C-alpha atoms as a PDB file:
ATOM      1  CA  MET A   1      -0.182   0.044  -0.118  1.00  0.00           C
ATOM      2  CA  MET A   2       2.628   2.345   1.003  1.00  0.00           C
ATOM      3  CA  GLU A   3       4.499   1.667  -2.301  1.00  0.00           C
ATOM      4  CA  ASP A   4       1.419   2.449  -4.387  1.00  0.00           C
ATOM      5  CA  LYS A   5       0.929   5.758  -2.607  1.00  0.00           C
ATOM      6  CA  ASN A   6       4.679   6.635  -3.421  1.00  0.00           C
ATOM      7  CA  LYS A   7       4.391   5.557  -7.006  1.00  0.00           C
ATOM      8  CA  GLU A   8       1.415   7.844  -7.547  1.00  0.00           C
ATOM      9  CA  LEU A   9       2.970  10.988  -5.704  1.00  0.00           C
ATOM     10  CA  ASP A  10       5.798  10.221  -8.046  1.00  0.00           C
ATOM     11  CA  LYS A  11       3.660  10.022 -11.038  1.00  0.00           C
ATOM     12  CA  LEU A  12       1.878  13.315 -10.095  1.00  0.00           C
ATOM     13  CA  ILE A  13       5.307  15.291  -9.508  1.00  0.00           C
ATOM     14  CA  ARG A  14       6.248  13.947 -12.836  1.00  0.00           C
ATOM     15  CA  ASP A  15       3.526  15.106 -14.760  1.00  0.00           C
ATOM     16  CA  ASN A  16       3.267  18.568 -12.956  1.00  0.00           C
ATOM     17  CA  MET A  17       7.029  19.065 -13.324  1.00  0.00           C
ATOM     18  CA  GLU A  18       7.746  21.718 -15.853  1.00  0.00           C
ATOM     19  CA  GLU A  19      11.358  22.575 -17.211  1.00  0.00           C
ATOM     20  CA  GLU A  20      12.265  25.746 -15.965  1.00  0.00           C
ATOM     21  CA  ARG A  21      13.616  28.452 -18.212  1.00  0.00           C
ATOM     22  CA  PRO A  22      14.896  31.734 -17.319  1.00  0.00           C
ATOM     23  CA  SER A  23      13.245  34.788 -18.957  1.00  0.00           C
ATOM     24  CA  LEU A  24      14.803  36.271 -22.277  1.00  0.00           C
ATOM     25  CA  GLY A  25      16.726  38.968 -20.618  1.00  0.00           C
ATOM     26  CA  PHE A  26      18.233  37.080 -17.594  1.00  0.00           C
ATOM     27  CA  SER A  27      21.614  37.069 -18.797  1.00  0.00           C
ATOM     28  CA  ASP A  28      21.359  40.515 -19.760  1.00  0.00           C
ATOM     29  CA  LYS A  29      20.052  41.611 -16.303  1.00  0.00           C
ATOM     30  CA  ILE A  30      22.950  39.459 -14.573  1.00  0.00           C
ATOM     31  CA  MET A  31      25.679  41.015 -16.589  1.00  0.00           C
ATOM     32  CA  ASP A  32      24.190  44.642 -15.983  1.00  0.00           C
ATOM     33  CA  GLN A  33      24.435  44.140 -12.312  1.00  0.00           C
ATOM     34  CA  ILE A  34      28.113  42.787 -12.589  1.00  0.00           C
ATOM     35  CA  TYR A  35      28.978  46.137 -14.511  1.00  0.00           C
ATOM     36  CA  ALA A  36      27.227  48.267 -12.281  1.00  0.00           C
ATOM     37  CA  SER A  37      29.143  46.673  -9.235  1.00  0.00           C
ATOM     38  CA  GLU A  38      32.473  46.841 -11.063  1.00  0.00           C
ATOM     39  CA  THR A  39      31.879  50.696 -12.074  1.00  0.00           C
ATOM     40  CA  ALA A  40      31.136  51.357  -8.379  1.00  0.00           C
ATOM     41  CA  LYS A  41      34.295  49.617  -7.305  1.00  0.00           C
ATOM     42  CA  GLU A  42      36.511  51.470  -9.876  1.00  0.00           C
ATOM     43  CA  LYS A  43      34.813  54.675  -8.911  1.00  0.00           C
ATOM     44  CA  SER A  44      35.581  53.959  -5.203  1.00  0.00           C
ATOM     45  CA  LEU A  45      39.316  52.989  -6.001  1.00  0.00           C
ATOM     46  CA  GLY A  46      39.814  56.226  -7.929  1.00  0.00           C
ATOM     47  CA  THR A  47      38.773  58.358  -5.296  1.00  0.00           C
ATOM     48  CA  LEU A  48      40.998  56.186  -2.607  1.00  0.00           C
ATOM     49  CA  LEU A  49      43.898  56.996  -5.068  1.00  0.00           C
ATOM     50  CA  GLN A  50      43.187  60.495  -5.472  1.00  0.00           C
ATOM     51  CA  LYS A  51      43.235  61.046  -1.491  1.00  0.00           C
ATOM     52  CA  HIS A  52      46.638  59.107  -1.433  1.00  0.00           C
ATOM     53  CA  ILE A  53      48.459  60.686  -4.264  1.00  0.00           C
ATOM     54  CA  ILE A  54      51.590  58.929  -5.030  1.00  0.00           C
ATOM     55  CA  GLU A  55      54.535  61.551  -4.593  1.00  0.00           C
ATOM     56  CA  THR A  56      56.774  61.949  -7.568  1.00  0.00           C
ATOM     57  CA  PRO A  57      60.597  62.493  -7.619  1.00  0.00           C
ATOM     58  CA  SER A  58      61.958  65.719  -8.416  1.00  0.00           C
ATOM     59  CA  SER A  59      62.920  66.206 -11.988  1.00  0.00           C
ATOM     60  CA  ASP A  60      66.336  66.145 -11.193  1.00  0.00           C
ATOM     61  CA  PHE A  61      66.238  62.999  -8.989  1.00  0.00           C
ATOM     62  CA  THR A  62      67.999  60.770 -11.595  1.00  0.00           C
ATOM     63  CA  ASP A  63      70.612  63.082 -12.413  1.00  0.00           C
ATOM     64  CA  LYS A  64      71.426  63.362  -8.505  1.00  0.00           C
ATOM     65  CA  VAL A  65      71.416  59.596  -8.103  1.00  0.00           C
ATOM     66  CA  MET A  66      73.648  59.199 -10.995  1.00  0.00           C
ATOM     67  CA  ALA A  67      76.208  61.698  -9.764  1.00  0.00           C
ATOM     68  CA  GLN A  68      76.231  59.929  -6.361  1.00  0.00           C
ATOM     69  CA  ILE A  69      77.127  56.489  -8.203  1.00  0.00           C
ATOM     70  CA  GLN A  70      79.869  58.132 -10.141  1.00  0.00           C
ATOM     71  CA  ALA A  71      81.321  59.548  -7.342  1.00  0.00           C
ATOM     72  CA  GLN A  72      81.475  56.355  -5.467  1.00  0.00           C
ATOM     73  CA  GLU A  73      82.790  54.671  -8.585  1.00  0.00           C
ATOM     74  CA  SER A  74      85.581  57.554  -9.139  1.00  0.00           C
ATOM     75  CA  SER A  75      86.996  57.261  -5.633  1.00  0.00           C
ATOM     76  CA  VAL A  76      90.379  55.287  -5.950  1.00  0.00           C
ATOM     77  CA  PHE A  77      91.230  52.625  -3.742  1.00  0.00           C
ATOM     78  CA  VAL A  78      94.758  53.227  -2.229  1.00  0.00           C
ATOM     79  CA  TYR A  79      96.420  49.773  -1.546  1.00  0.00           C
ATOM     80  CA  LYS A  80      98.707  50.175   1.415  1.00  0.00           C
ATOM     81  CA  PRO A  81     100.771  46.835   2.006  1.00  0.00           C
ATOM     82  CA  VAL A  82     101.138  45.407   5.436  1.00  0.00           C
ATOM     83  CA  ILE A  83     104.931  45.312   4.994  1.00  0.00           C
ATOM     84  CA  SER A  84     106.327  48.577   3.554  1.00  0.00           C
ATOM     85  CA  LYS A  85     109.098  48.504   0.903  1.00  0.00           C
ATOM     86  CA  ASN A  86     111.751  49.829   3.237  1.00  0.00           C
ATOM     87  CA  VAL A  87     111.189  46.821   5.432  1.00  0.00           C
ATOM     88  CA  TRP A  88     111.053  44.399   2.114  1.00  0.00           C
ATOM     89  CA  PHE A  89     114.438  46.215   1.111  1.00  0.00           C
ATOM     90  CA  THR A  90     115.822  45.421   4.656  1.00  0.00           C
ATOM     91  CA  ILE A  91     114.795  41.604   4.616  1.00  0.00           C
ATOM     92  CA  VAL A  92     116.329  41.385   1.094  1.00  0.00           C
ATOM     93  CA  THR A  93     119.616  43.065   2.234  1.00  0.00           C
ATOM     94  CA  PHE A  94     119.729  40.976   5.256  1.00  0.00           C
ATOM     95  CA  PHE A  95     119.392  37.513   3.334  1.00  0.00           C
ATOM     96  CA  GLY A  96     121.549  38.845   0.649  1.00  0.00           C
ATOM     97  CA  LEU A  97     124.374  39.563   3.316  1.00  0.00           C
ATOM     98  CA  VAL A  98     124.027  36.137   4.700  1.00  0.00           C
ATOM     99  CA  ALA A  99     123.941  34.531   1.184  1.00  0.00           C
ATOM    100  CA  VAL A 100     127.224  36.282   0.646  1.00  0.00           C
ATOM    101  CA  PHE A 101     128.702  35.536   3.775  1.00  0.00           C
ATOM    102  CA  SER A 102     127.812  31.746   3.267  1.00  0.00           C
ATOM    103  CA  LEU A 103     129.036  31.873  -0.283  1.00  0.00           C
ATOM    104  CA  LEU A 104     132.450  33.545   0.850  1.00  0.00           C
ATOM    105  CA  ASN A 105     132.870  30.861   3.609  1.00  0.00           C
ATOM    106  CA  LEU A 106     132.323  27.664   1.653  1.00  0.00           C
ATOM    107  CA  GLY A 107     133.531  24.532   3.444  1.00  0.00           C
ATOM    108  CA  GLY A 108     134.196  25.851   6.567  1.00  0.00           C
ATOM    109  CA  GLN A 109     137.196  27.757   5.690  1.00  0.00           C
ATOM    110  CA  GLU A 110     138.382  31.001   7.395  1.00  0.00           C
ATOM    111  CA  PRO A 111     136.590  34.095   6.284  1.00  0.00           C
ATOM    112  CA  GLN A 112     138.040  35.788   3.258  1.00  0.00           C
ATOM    113  CA  ILE A 113     136.953  39.207   4.213  1.00  0.00           C
ATOM    114  CA  ASP A 114     139.521  40.208   7.002  1.00  0.00           C
ATOM    115  CA  TYR A 115     137.246  43.410   7.660  1.00  0.00           C
ATOM    116  CA  LEU A 116     134.238  41.247   8.604  1.00  0.00           C
ATOM    117  CA  GLN A 117     136.320  39.006  10.700  1.00  0.00           C
ATOM    118  CA  GLU A 118     137.499  41.967  12.444  1.00  0.00           C
ATOM    119  CA  VAL A 119     134.152  43.299  13.140  1.00  0.00           C
ATOM    120  CA  ILE A 120     133.041  40.189  14.510  1.00  0.00           C
ATOM    121  CA  SER A 121     136.091  39.727  16.749  1.00  0.00           C
ATOM    122  CA  LYS A 122     135.359  43.093  18.336  1.00  0.00           C
ATOM    123  CA  PHE A 123     131.889  41.832  19.548  1.00  0.00           C
ATOM    124  CA  ASP A 124     133.091  38.227  20.391  1.00  0.00           C
ATOM    125  CA  TYR A 125     133.320  38.722  23.954  1.00  0.00           C
ATOM    126  CA  SER A 126     129.900  40.576  24.066  1.00  0.00           C
ATOM    127  CA  ILE A 127     127.750  38.445  22.154  1.00  0.00           C
ATOM    128  CA  SER A 128     128.275  34.631  20.730  1.00  0.00           C
ATOM    129  CA  PHE A 129     128.511  34.952  16.804  1.00  0.00           C
ATOM    130  CA  LYS A 130     129.735  31.514  16.064  1.00  0.00           C
ATOM    131  CA  ILE A 131     127.878  30.179  12.946  1.00  0.00           C
ATOM    132  CA  PRO A 132     127.427  26.585  13.123  1.00  0.00           C
ATOM    133  CA  HIS A 133     129.095  24.343  10.209  1.00  0.00           C
ATOM    134  CA  GLU A 134     125.565  23.678   8.689  1.00  0.00           C
ATOM    135  CA  LEU A 135     124.925  27.227   7.938  1.00  0.00           C
ATOM    136  CA  MET A 136     128.042  27.390   6.068  1.00  0.00           C
ATOM    137  CA  SER A 137     127.535  24.747   3.702  1.00  0.00           C
ATOM    138  CA  PRO A 138     126.911  25.619   0.063  1.00  0.00           C
ATOM    139  CA  ILE A 139     123.514  23.872  -0.075  1.00  0.00           C
ATOM    140  CA  PHE A 140     122.413  26.058   2.695  1.00  0.00           C
ATOM    141  CA  ALA A 141     123.623  29.013   0.855  1.00  0.00           C
ATOM    142  CA  LEU A 142     121.913  27.972  -2.436  1.00  0.00           C
ATOM    143  CA  SER A 143     118.494  27.541  -0.516  1.00  0.00           C
ATOM    144  CA  LEU A 144     118.643  30.658   1.233  1.00  0.00           C
ATOM    145  CA  PHE A 145     119.347  32.414  -2.042  1.00  0.00           C
ATOM    146  CA  ALA A 146     116.575  30.621  -3.850  1.00  0.00           C
ATOM    147  CA  LEU A 147     114.076  31.521  -1.014  1.00  0.00           C
ATOM    148  CA  SER A 148     115.150  34.991  -1.105  1.00  0.00           C
ATOM    149  CA  LEU A 149     114.717  34.892  -4.999  1.00  0.00           C
ATOM    150  CA  PHE A 150     111.165  33.369  -4.628  1.00  0.00           C
ATOM    151  CA  LEU A 151     110.121  36.029  -1.939  1.00  0.00           C
ATOM    152  CA  TRP A 152     111.256  38.705  -4.183  1.00  0.00           C
ATOM    153  CA  ILE A 153     109.456  37.630  -7.224  1.00  0.00           C
ATOM    154  CA  ASP A 154     106.382  36.624  -5.316  1.00  0.00           C
ATOM    155  CA  TYR A 155     106.188  40.416  -3.773  1.00  0.00           C
ATOM    156  CA  PHE A 156     106.457  41.794  -7.321  1.00  0.00           C
ATOM    157  CA  ILE A 157     103.819  39.507  -8.595  1.00  0.00           C
ATOM    158  CA  HIS A 158     101.308  40.121  -5.829  1.00  0.00           C
ATOM    159  CA  ASN A 159     102.274  44.200  -6.277  1.00  0.00           C
ATOM    160  CA  ARG A 160     101.447  43.789 -10.181  1.00  0.00           C
ATOM    161  CA  TYR A 161      98.200  41.749  -9.596  1.00  0.00           C
ATOM    162  CA  ASN A 162      96.681  44.155  -7.066  1.00  0.00           C
ATOM    163  CA  HIS A 163      97.698  47.226  -8.950  1.00  0.00           C
ATOM    164  CA  HIS A 164      95.794  45.961 -11.919  1.00  0.00           C
ATOM    165  CA  LYS A 165      93.111  44.945  -9.943  1.00  0.00           C
ATOM    166  CA  ILE A 166      92.677  48.413  -8.310  1.00  0.00           C
ATOM    167  CA  LYS A 167      92.731  50.174 -11.600  1.00  0.00           C
ATOM    168  CA  SER A 168      89.855  47.916 -12.906  1.00  0.00           C
ATOM    169  CA  LEU A 169      87.476  49.283 -10.117  1.00  0.00           C
END
């Protein structure tokens, strides 16, 4: 019984049901409402932007900024070495004198320069200036000379590299 009533109700609903169709100007009315809301939003945005006007830079703003950039670029970096040229000269001179002294005293022989021997003998009692035999060997003298030469070459290579690096800035 209940099923019969449900079937009758379903048939009644299907028979009375019509397909809904929008009116002819339905789409146009919806689009008009969208356009109206968009124009209202645009007007409110325009008034908001007019209240808060964006500041414009002065006419010579770009020139001022470019002048500052060029001033910073034109400032020259002056390279100041940690060890000055005078100190390098003193170091090279010292190693050169030690190398010359070592070369003149090959094989542990007596020094060939009498003046140097006299100066050393004057200080003999105040300080002990006896050079070990290993420091008098030709291998030590050549090693010391090679080390001095490499340090000297390294100094000039680094000086040249830093000089070109500064100019390229």
